[in-house]
Protein backbone atom coordinates (compact mmCIF):
# COMPACT_ATOMS: atom_id res chain seq x y z
CA MET A 1 -22.98 27.50 -15.69
CA ASP A 2 -23.89 27.77 -12.00
CA LYS A 3 -20.99 28.94 -9.86
CA THR A 4 -21.72 26.15 -7.38
CA GLN A 5 -20.78 23.66 -10.08
CA LEU A 6 -17.20 24.82 -9.68
CA THR A 7 -17.03 25.91 -6.04
CA GLY A 8 -18.88 23.21 -4.11
CA LEU A 9 -16.74 20.55 -2.50
CA THR A 10 -19.11 17.64 -3.09
CA THR A 11 -20.00 15.74 -6.23
CA ILE A 12 -21.95 12.93 -7.84
CA ILE A 13 -20.31 9.90 -9.44
CA GLY A 14 -22.42 7.37 -11.32
CA ASN A 15 -23.02 3.77 -10.55
CA LEU A 16 -20.06 3.47 -8.20
CA TYR A 17 -22.37 4.29 -5.33
CA LYS A 18 -25.25 1.98 -6.06
CA GLU A 19 -25.28 0.50 -2.57
CA LEU A 20 -22.72 0.57 0.16
CA ILE A 21 -22.95 0.58 3.92
CA LEU A 22 -19.87 -0.81 5.59
CA LEU A 23 -19.80 -1.52 9.30
CA LEU A 24 -16.45 -2.07 11.03
CA LEU A 25 -16.61 -3.62 14.50
CA CYS A 26 -13.92 -2.96 16.95
CA LEU A 27 -13.73 -1.82 15.46
CA LEU A 28 -16.90 -3.12 13.81
CA THR A 29 -17.39 -1.73 10.33
CA PRO A 30 -20.66 -2.02 8.52
CA VAL A 31 -20.33 -1.35 4.81
CA LEU A 32 -23.72 -0.15 3.66
CA GLY A 33 -24.24 -0.96 0.00
CA ALA A 34 -21.60 -3.67 0.10
CA SER A 35 -22.68 -5.27 -3.18
CA GLY A 36 -22.07 -2.12 -5.23
CA ASP A 37 -19.15 -1.30 -7.51
CA LEU A 38 -17.42 1.04 -5.07
CA ALA A 39 -17.32 -1.61 -2.38
CA LYS A 40 -15.86 -4.24 -4.68
CA LYS A 41 -13.40 -2.02 -6.52
CA LYS A 42 -12.26 0.41 -3.83
CA THR A 43 -13.48 -0.05 -0.26
CA TYR A 44 -12.77 -3.74 0.31
CA PRO A 45 -9.41 -3.68 -1.55
CA ALA A 46 -8.42 -0.74 0.66
CA LEU A 47 -9.47 -2.62 3.80
CA PHE A 48 -7.48 -5.63 2.61
CA GLY A 49 -4.44 -3.41 2.08
CA LEU A 50 -4.73 -2.19 5.66
CA TYR A 51 -5.21 -5.75 6.90
CA ARG A 52 -2.17 -7.26 5.20
CA ASN A 53 0.04 -4.40 6.33
CA GLY A 54 -1.08 -4.76 9.94
CA TYR A 55 -3.06 -1.52 10.23
CA LEU A 56 -6.53 -2.86 11.01
CA PRO A 57 -7.12 -2.82 14.78
CA GLU A 58 -7.20 -6.21 16.47
CA GLY A 59 -10.71 -7.60 16.66
CA THR A 60 -11.96 -5.75 13.59
CA VAL A 61 -14.91 -7.36 11.81
CA ILE A 62 -16.37 -6.08 8.54
CA ILE A 63 -20.08 -6.54 7.94
CA GLY A 64 -21.42 -5.76 4.49
CA TYR A 65 -25.05 -4.67 4.27
CA ALA A 66 -26.95 -4.11 1.03
CA ARG A 67 -30.22 -4.79 -0.70
CA SER A 68 -28.85 -7.52 -2.97
CA ILE A 69 -29.72 -11.02 -1.79
CA LEU A 70 -26.43 -12.94 -1.77
CA SER A 71 -25.02 -15.92 0.06
CA LEU A 72 -21.78 -15.34 1.93
CA GLN A 73 -19.90 -17.34 -0.71
CA GLU A 74 -21.43 -15.30 -3.53
CA PHE A 75 -20.44 -12.13 -1.73
CA HIS A 76 -16.87 -13.36 -1.23
CA ASN A 77 -16.70 -14.30 -4.91
CA ARG A 78 -17.62 -10.74 -5.84
CA LEU A 79 -14.82 -9.40 -3.67
CA LEU A 80 -12.39 -11.90 -5.18
CA GLU A 81 -13.27 -10.74 -8.69
CA TYR A 82 -11.58 -7.37 -8.14
CA ALA A 83 -8.82 -8.40 -5.74
CA LYS A 84 -5.24 -7.99 -6.95
CA LEU A 85 -3.43 -11.12 -5.78
CA PRO A 86 -0.09 -11.36 -7.60
CA THR A 87 1.54 -13.94 -5.30
CA ASP A 88 0.50 -17.06 -3.42
CA GLN A 89 1.36 -15.31 -0.16
CA ILE A 90 -1.05 -12.46 -0.88
CA LYS A 91 -3.71 -14.96 -1.99
CA GLY A 92 -3.36 -16.66 1.38
CA GLN A 93 -3.65 -13.34 3.18
CA PHE A 94 -6.80 -12.52 1.23
CA THR A 95 -8.32 -15.85 2.24
CA GLU A 96 -7.68 -14.94 5.88
CA PHE A 97 -9.06 -11.45 5.31
CA LEU A 98 -12.33 -12.88 3.98
CA LYS A 99 -12.84 -14.55 7.36
CA LEU A 100 -13.34 -11.03 8.78
CA CYS A 101 -15.95 -10.18 6.14
CA THR A 102 -19.55 -11.23 6.48
CA TYR A 103 -22.68 -10.08 4.70
CA ILE A 104 -26.31 -9.35 5.52
CA SER A 105 -28.99 -8.26 3.06
CA GLY A 106 -31.74 -5.85 3.97
CA GLN A 107 -33.62 -2.72 3.00
CA TYR A 108 -32.59 0.83 3.86
CA ASP A 109 -36.01 1.90 5.12
CA LYS A 110 -37.05 -0.96 7.42
CA ASP A 111 -36.31 -0.90 11.15
CA GLU A 112 -36.62 -4.68 11.39
CA ASP A 113 -33.75 -5.12 8.91
CA TYR A 114 -31.53 -2.72 10.84
CA GLN A 115 -32.44 -4.51 14.06
CA ARG A 116 -31.43 -7.80 12.48
CA LEU A 117 -28.12 -6.20 11.50
CA ASN A 118 -27.70 -4.85 15.03
CA LYS A 119 -28.27 -8.32 16.48
CA ALA A 120 -25.48 -9.66 14.26
CA VAL A 121 -23.24 -6.79 15.36
CA GLU A 122 -23.88 -7.49 19.05
CA GLU A 123 -23.12 -11.18 18.58
CA VAL A 124 -19.78 -10.29 17.02
CA GLU A 125 -19.00 -7.82 19.81
CA MET A 126 -19.60 -10.54 22.39
CA THR A 127 -17.31 -13.05 20.68
CA VAL A 128 -14.43 -11.20 19.00
CA GLY A 129 -14.85 -7.58 19.91
CA ASN A 130 -12.59 -7.76 22.99
CA GLY A 131 -15.24 -5.86 24.93
CA ASN A 132 -15.13 -2.93 22.51
CA LYS A 133 -18.39 -1.50 21.24
CA ASN A 134 -16.91 0.96 18.75
CA ARG A 135 -18.63 1.13 15.39
CA VAL A 136 -17.63 2.74 12.11
CA PHE A 137 -20.43 3.16 9.59
CA TYR A 138 -19.21 3.57 6.02
CA MET A 139 -21.84 4.93 3.63
CA ALA A 140 -21.35 5.29 -0.09
CA LEU A 141 -24.93 5.74 -1.13
CA PRO A 142 -27.00 8.00 -3.38
CA PRO A 143 -27.94 11.23 -1.57
CA SER A 144 -31.60 10.23 -1.82
CA VAL A 145 -31.09 7.55 0.86
CA PHE A 146 -28.54 9.32 3.09
CA ILE A 147 -31.12 10.62 5.53
CA PRO A 148 -33.28 7.49 5.94
CA VAL A 149 -30.13 5.40 6.36
CA ALA A 150 -28.66 7.84 8.89
CA HIS A 151 -31.97 7.71 10.80
CA GLY A 152 -32.03 3.91 10.64
CA ILE A 153 -28.46 3.64 11.93
CA LYS A 154 -28.99 6.13 14.75
CA LYS A 155 -32.24 4.52 15.85
CA ASN A 156 -31.20 0.88 15.63
CA LEU A 157 -27.39 0.58 15.49
CA TYR A 158 -25.89 3.47 17.42
CA SER A 159 -23.51 2.25 20.11
CA THR A 160 -24.22 3.75 23.52
CA LYS A 161 -21.07 2.24 25.04
CA GLY A 162 -18.42 3.13 22.51
CA ILE A 163 -17.32 5.45 19.73
CA ASN A 164 -19.50 5.89 16.66
CA ARG A 165 -18.03 7.19 13.42
CA LEU A 166 -19.95 7.88 10.24
CA ILE A 167 -18.08 8.03 6.94
CA VAL A 168 -20.14 9.71 4.24
CA GLU A 169 -18.80 9.03 0.76
CA LYS A 170 -19.64 11.31 -2.08
CA PRO A 171 -21.96 12.08 -3.73
CA PHE A 172 -23.08 14.47 -1.00
CA GLY A 173 -25.71 16.45 -2.82
CA MET A 174 -26.22 17.78 -6.33
CA ASP A 175 -24.94 21.28 -5.63
CA LEU A 176 -24.02 23.59 -2.77
CA GLU A 177 -27.59 24.07 -1.55
CA SER A 178 -28.55 20.38 -1.63
CA SER A 179 -25.29 19.56 0.13
CA ARG A 180 -26.17 22.04 2.86
CA GLU A 181 -29.66 20.56 3.12
CA LEU A 182 -28.18 17.10 3.67
CA GLY A 183 -25.84 18.52 6.28
CA ARG A 184 -28.72 20.19 8.11
CA ALA A 185 -30.71 16.95 8.04
CA LEU A 186 -27.78 14.96 9.46
CA ALA A 187 -26.91 17.52 12.13
CA PRO A 188 -29.55 16.44 14.69
CA LEU A 189 -28.43 12.82 14.36
CA TRP A 190 -24.63 13.06 14.31
CA LYS A 191 -22.12 15.58 15.52
CA GLU A 192 -21.10 17.36 12.35
CA GLU A 193 -17.76 19.05 11.77
CA GLU A 194 -16.38 20.35 8.52
CA VAL A 195 -13.04 18.54 8.47
CA CYS A 196 -10.24 17.45 6.21
CA LEU A 197 -8.58 14.23 7.30
CA PRO A 198 -6.56 13.39 9.32
CA PHE A 199 -8.80 14.37 12.21
CA VAL A 200 -8.74 13.67 15.93
CA PRO A 201 -11.77 11.39 16.51
CA GLU A 202 -14.58 12.54 18.76
CA LYS A 203 -17.54 10.56 19.98
CA GLY A 204 -20.31 10.49 17.40
CA ILE A 205 -18.34 12.18 14.63
CA THR A 206 -19.26 12.43 10.96
CA TYR A 207 -16.57 12.21 8.26
CA ARG A 208 -16.99 13.37 4.70
CA ILE A 209 -14.15 12.19 2.53
CA ASP A 210 -12.75 13.00 -0.88
CA HIS A 211 -10.46 10.11 -1.70
CA TYR A 212 -8.17 12.38 -3.74
CA LEU A 213 -6.93 13.86 -0.46
CA GLY A 214 -5.51 10.43 0.33
CA LYS A 215 -3.45 10.14 -2.84
CA GLU A 216 0.27 10.06 -2.18
CA MET A 217 1.22 12.95 -4.47
CA VAL A 218 -1.65 15.15 -3.28
CA LYS A 219 -0.41 14.71 0.29
CA ASN A 220 3.14 15.29 -0.97
CA LEU A 221 2.11 18.72 -2.25
CA LEU A 222 2.23 20.11 1.28
CA ILE A 223 5.78 18.85 1.75
CA ILE A 224 6.98 19.99 -1.67
CA ARG A 225 5.64 23.46 -1.03
CA PHE A 226 6.47 24.06 2.60
CA ALA A 227 9.52 21.89 3.35
CA ASN A 228 11.74 23.09 0.48
CA VAL A 229 13.14 26.59 0.87
CA PHE A 230 13.89 27.12 -2.83
CA PHE A 231 10.20 26.86 -3.74
CA GLY A 232 9.18 29.44 -1.17
CA ALA A 233 10.83 32.34 -3.00
CA ILE A 234 9.46 31.48 -6.45
CA TRP A 235 5.92 30.29 -5.61
CA ASN A 236 4.17 33.47 -6.74
CA ARG A 237 3.05 35.55 -9.70
CA GLN A 238 6.51 37.01 -10.24
CA SER A 239 7.93 33.58 -11.14
CA ILE A 240 4.97 31.43 -12.22
CA ALA A 241 3.21 31.99 -15.54
CA ASN A 242 0.37 29.48 -15.13
CA VAL A 243 -0.72 26.34 -13.29
CA GLN A 244 -2.42 23.47 -15.14
CA ILE A 245 -4.27 20.73 -13.27
CA THR A 246 -5.32 17.90 -15.58
CA PHE A 247 -7.47 14.81 -15.09
CA LYS A 248 -7.73 12.50 -18.13
CA GLU A 249 -9.54 9.18 -18.40
CA LYS A 250 -9.22 6.77 -21.33
CA ILE A 251 -12.53 5.04 -20.69
CA GLY A 252 -15.92 6.51 -21.46
CA THR A 253 -19.10 6.03 -19.49
CA GLU A 254 -19.09 2.27 -20.22
CA GLY A 255 -22.86 1.79 -19.94
CA ARG A 256 -23.20 4.14 -16.94
CA GLY A 257 -24.05 7.15 -19.05
CA GLY A 258 -27.59 7.42 -17.79
CA TYR A 259 -26.40 8.18 -14.29
CA PHE A 260 -23.44 10.28 -15.43
CA ASP A 261 -25.70 12.33 -17.70
CA GLU A 262 -27.55 13.76 -14.73
CA PHE A 263 -24.41 15.40 -13.37
CA GLY A 264 -21.66 15.75 -15.99
CA ILE A 265 -17.90 15.98 -15.78
CA ILE A 266 -17.80 19.22 -13.74
CA ARG A 267 -19.64 17.76 -10.76
CA ASP A 268 -17.90 14.43 -11.28
CA VAL A 269 -14.31 15.63 -11.12
CA MET A 270 -13.67 19.35 -11.38
CA GLN A 271 -15.51 20.87 -8.44
CA ASN A 272 -14.14 18.36 -5.94
CA HIS A 273 -10.88 16.63 -6.90
CA LEU A 274 -9.36 19.41 -9.01
CA LEU A 275 -10.42 22.20 -6.66
CA GLN A 276 -8.92 20.32 -3.72
CA ILE A 277 -5.62 20.14 -5.61
CA LEU A 278 -5.83 23.80 -6.60
CA SER A 279 -6.42 24.86 -3.02
CA ILE A 280 -3.29 23.05 -1.82
CA VAL A 281 -1.18 24.44 -4.67
CA ALA A 282 -2.34 28.01 -4.05
CA MET A 283 -2.96 28.30 -0.29
CA GLU A 284 -0.71 30.09 2.18
CA ARG A 285 1.38 28.21 4.71
CA PRO A 286 -0.92 26.89 7.47
CA ILE A 287 -0.10 27.56 11.10
CA SER A 288 0.11 23.80 11.63
CA LEU A 289 -0.81 20.59 9.80
CA THR A 290 -3.97 19.99 11.81
CA SER A 291 -7.02 19.51 9.66
CA GLU A 292 -8.59 22.72 10.93
CA ASP A 293 -5.59 24.90 10.07
CA VAL A 294 -5.14 23.34 6.62
CA ARG A 295 -8.86 23.68 5.95
CA ASP A 296 -8.85 27.34 6.98
CA GLU A 297 -6.10 28.17 4.47
CA LYS A 298 -7.89 26.25 1.72
CA VAL A 299 -11.10 28.14 2.35
CA ARG A 300 -9.23 31.45 2.45
CA VAL A 301 -7.75 30.98 -1.01
CA LEU A 302 -10.99 29.60 -2.48
CA ARG A 303 -12.80 32.73 -1.33
CA CYS A 304 -10.41 34.75 -3.50
CA ILE A 305 -11.69 33.05 -6.68
CA PRO A 306 -14.40 35.09 -8.45
CA PRO A 307 -17.27 33.42 -10.33
CA VAL A 308 -16.07 31.67 -13.46
CA LYS A 309 -16.88 33.48 -16.71
CA MET A 310 -18.27 31.50 -19.61
CA ASP A 311 -15.53 33.00 -21.81
CA ASP A 312 -13.06 31.08 -19.62
CA VAL A 313 -14.80 27.72 -20.07
CA ILE A 314 -14.68 25.09 -22.81
CA LEU A 315 -17.12 22.18 -22.79
CA GLY A 316 -17.11 19.13 -25.02
CA GLN A 317 -18.55 15.68 -25.52
CA TYR A 318 -16.69 12.70 -26.93
CA THR A 319 -17.83 11.13 -30.18
CA LYS A 320 -17.11 7.83 -31.88
CA SER A 321 -13.42 7.15 -32.54
CA GLU A 322 -12.15 7.73 -36.08
CA ASP A 323 -11.70 4.00 -36.67
CA GLY A 324 -15.20 3.32 -35.32
CA THR A 325 -14.04 0.85 -32.68
CA LYS A 326 -14.99 3.00 -29.68
CA PRO A 327 -18.52 4.36 -29.33
CA GLY A 328 -19.38 7.98 -28.74
CA TYR A 329 -21.17 9.24 -25.66
CA LEU A 330 -24.52 9.35 -27.44
CA ASP A 331 -24.02 5.75 -28.57
CA ASP A 332 -24.39 4.66 -24.95
CA LYS A 333 -27.93 3.30 -24.77
CA THR A 334 -28.30 4.57 -21.21
CA VAL A 335 -27.75 8.19 -22.34
CA PRO A 336 -30.85 10.22 -23.27
CA PRO A 337 -31.00 10.88 -27.04
CA GLY A 338 -29.58 14.26 -28.00
CA SER A 339 -27.98 14.86 -24.60
CA ASN A 340 -25.59 17.80 -24.43
CA CYS A 341 -24.06 16.70 -21.12
CA PRO A 342 -20.35 17.60 -21.12
CA THR A 343 -17.83 14.78 -20.85
CA PHE A 344 -14.93 17.25 -21.15
CA ALA A 345 -14.45 20.58 -19.44
CA ALA A 346 -11.66 23.12 -19.23
CA ALA A 347 -11.94 26.22 -17.08
CA THR A 348 -9.57 29.02 -16.21
CA LEU A 349 -9.80 30.24 -12.64
CA TRP A 350 -8.22 33.43 -11.31
CA ILE A 351 -7.18 34.05 -7.72
CA ASN A 352 -7.46 37.67 -6.67
CA ASN A 353 -4.82 37.93 -3.98
CA GLU A 354 -1.30 39.31 -3.68
CA ARG A 355 0.43 36.02 -4.44
CA TRP A 356 -1.55 34.94 -7.51
CA GLU A 357 -3.06 38.04 -9.14
CA GLY A 358 -2.96 37.53 -12.93
CA VAL A 359 -1.84 33.87 -12.88
CA PRO A 360 -4.31 31.56 -14.68
CA PHE A 361 -5.13 28.26 -12.98
CA ILE A 362 -6.33 26.00 -15.80
CA LEU A 363 -8.43 22.98 -14.78
CA LYS A 364 -9.00 20.29 -17.42
CA CYS A 365 -10.87 17.00 -17.13
CA GLY A 366 -12.51 14.56 -19.47
CA LYS A 367 -13.50 11.02 -20.36
CA ALA A 368 -12.56 8.90 -23.39
CA LEU A 369 -9.33 10.83 -23.96
CA ASN A 370 -5.98 9.71 -25.34
CA GLU A 371 -4.47 8.63 -22.01
CA GLN A 372 -5.11 7.99 -18.33
CA LYS A 373 -3.35 10.67 -16.32
CA THR A 374 -3.70 13.15 -13.49
CA GLU A 375 -0.99 15.76 -13.13
CA ILE A 376 -0.15 19.23 -11.86
CA ARG A 377 2.02 21.31 -14.20
CA VAL A 378 3.51 24.54 -12.86
CA GLN A 379 4.93 26.56 -15.75
CA PHE A 380 7.38 29.30 -14.86
CA GLN A 381 7.89 32.68 -16.49
CA ASN A 382 10.31 33.27 -19.34
CA VAL A 383 13.79 34.37 -18.30
CA PRO A 384 13.91 38.19 -18.66
CA GLY A 385 16.46 39.24 -21.28
CA ASN A 386 17.37 35.60 -21.96
CA VAL A 387 20.37 35.36 -24.30
CA PHE A 388 19.24 31.84 -25.24
CA LYS A 389 16.27 32.93 -27.32
CA ASP A 390 14.81 29.51 -28.03
CA ALA A 391 15.00 28.20 -24.48
CA PRO A 392 11.54 27.01 -23.34
CA ARG A 393 10.07 27.72 -19.95
CA ASN A 394 10.95 25.72 -16.86
CA GLU A 395 8.21 23.45 -15.56
CA LEU A 396 7.57 21.58 -12.33
CA VAL A 397 5.41 18.52 -13.01
CA ILE A 398 3.77 16.48 -10.26
CA ARG A 399 2.19 13.31 -11.64
CA VAL A 400 -0.56 12.13 -9.31
CA GLN A 401 -1.35 8.98 -11.29
CA PRO A 402 -0.31 6.63 -12.76
CA ASN A 403 3.36 6.11 -11.87
CA GLU A 404 3.68 8.84 -9.25
CA ALA A 405 6.52 11.25 -10.04
CA VAL A 406 7.92 14.71 -9.45
CA TYR A 407 10.18 16.19 -12.09
CA MET A 408 11.55 19.59 -13.05
CA LYS A 409 12.05 20.48 -16.71
CA MET A 410 15.06 22.75 -17.12
CA THR A 411 17.31 23.96 -19.92
CA ASN A 412 20.74 22.40 -20.15
CA LYS A 413 23.69 22.60 -22.54
CA LEU A 414 23.74 20.00 -25.27
CA PRO A 415 27.11 18.19 -24.94
CA GLY A 416 29.53 19.22 -27.67
CA LEU A 417 31.39 22.25 -28.98
CA SER A 418 28.30 24.39 -29.60
CA MET A 419 26.20 26.32 -27.12
CA ASP A 420 23.00 24.61 -28.18
CA THR A 421 20.44 23.96 -25.47
CA VAL A 422 18.36 20.93 -24.63
CA ILE A 423 15.52 20.28 -22.20
CA SER A 424 16.50 17.96 -19.34
CA GLU A 425 14.47 16.55 -16.48
CA LEU A 426 15.44 16.35 -12.84
CA ASP A 427 13.35 13.25 -12.27
CA LEU A 428 11.99 11.68 -9.11
CA THR A 429 9.84 8.81 -10.32
CA TYR A 430 8.63 7.01 -7.25
CA HIS A 431 8.73 3.41 -8.47
CA ARG A 432 12.42 3.84 -9.36
CA ARG A 433 13.56 5.84 -6.33
CA PHE A 434 11.44 3.93 -3.81
CA SER A 435 11.30 0.56 -5.53
CA GLU A 436 10.80 -1.46 -2.34
CA LEU A 437 8.06 0.71 -0.89
CA LYS A 438 4.37 0.22 -1.63
CA ILE A 439 2.44 3.43 -2.19
CA PRO A 440 -0.85 3.02 -0.30
CA ASP A 441 -4.15 3.41 -2.08
CA ALA A 442 -5.94 6.69 -1.38
CA TYR A 443 -8.83 4.87 0.27
CA GLU A 444 -6.41 3.04 2.56
CA ALA A 445 -5.00 6.33 3.80
CA LEU A 446 -8.39 7.91 4.44
CA ILE A 447 -9.96 4.89 6.12
CA LEU A 448 -6.88 4.55 8.34
CA ASP A 449 -7.24 8.19 9.38
CA VAL A 450 -10.80 7.50 10.49
CA LEU A 451 -9.82 4.34 12.36
CA LYS A 452 -7.20 6.27 14.27
C-alpha cells in the first residue's frame, strides 16, 4: 500500500462526478456538469436549502452547464426527481427556486461553447444581477478535464469587474503527486491557497472542498474538544485507550463498480473523510478558529503519523449475501473479472507525539455492510484498581450520521439492594434535544462559506 493512499487529502469517487459545472451569478453560479448525479443529489438540493432559508444572496442565478443535451423542462424534471418536498409549502418554494435555475449544454473543450455560456451569463447580469459581476464556478468533474475546463473558464468566462471564485470538488487527483500536478497546472490561472473553509474570500480564489468538513457533528468536534473544560484534562494517552472512526455503507457499488474499481475504498473514504476527522480529534488547540490556524494544527498532527504498516491493515471485498438476494462486488457487470479491489479497509494509525504516543487510532470503512453509519468512538482506559471488576470502559460516542448524537457511556448502579452495575448513556440526540431546528446539509454549509 502506498503511503499517499492514506495521507493525501484528495480522493476519487465514482460516477457522482460525471459532469458538473455550476455557475452562480450575483452571485452567478455556473454548475459545470449539471446533469450528473452529484448535481442532482447533492449540489442543487443544497442550493435549494440555502434558498428556502434565505441564505442565497439577492439576485443569484444558477446556470447549469453540461454535455448532456436537455431541454430546460427535462433538466428541471431531473432536479425534481431527487428533491425532498414533504409539504405543499416546500413544493411551492421549490417551484420558485427552479425559476433561478437554467441550463445550457456544451462541450468542455470548445471555446465557442464557453462563449455562448458567457453570453447567457452577461444577459443575466444585465437583467437581474443588480450590477454585480461576481461569478462562482462550481466544478465537480473528473480530474482529466479539470485543466481544460479551468482554461476555458479563465479564457472565456472570467469576470474582470467582479469577484471570481472557483470551487473544485473532489476527486482532485489519483494520489498525492497527481494532486500536486493539478495544483501546479491551476496555479497560473487562479490564485491558489491551501484552505479549510470557512475562508475570507479574495479576488480570484480557488476553493477545494471536502463536504465532510461541513457536517454538523464534524464541526461540533471543535466545540466539544475546546469549549468543555472536563475534556481538556482527559484528552490524552493517560486517559484514552483507543479512538475508532467508522464509516459504514449498506449499499454496494450499485452498477458503478467499474469506476470505483479504479480507486477503491481507501481513496474513496479513508484518506480524505476519515483523516479529516482524525486530525480534528487529535490536533492541539488552534490559536484561533481561522481556517489557516485550524489547518496548521491539522497538518502538525498529521506529520506525526508514520507510514502505515501492512500488519496494521485489513482489506476485504464484499461477496453475495447468504440468502443470495444481494450481489457480491464481482457480480457487478461493470467490475473487471477477478478484481481484488478492496471495498472494506481497516487501518491502525499511530501518532508519535506527547499527547497520543501509544494510542491506536483505528479507521474503518466499507460498502455493503450491515448498517449505514459514521461515528467517532473514544474509548477510555480501565479504572486503575477498580473494585467493580466487571465494569466496562467508559466511551464517548459522536454519531456523525444518521441521527446526529453525542453520548457518553458510563457505569451506574443498578437500582435495588445489590451493588450490581449497569451501563447508562448520557445522551444528546440532536433530533430530540433540538427538535425544531433543521440541521443543514454539509454541502449547504460549505457552499454558504464560499458565498460569504
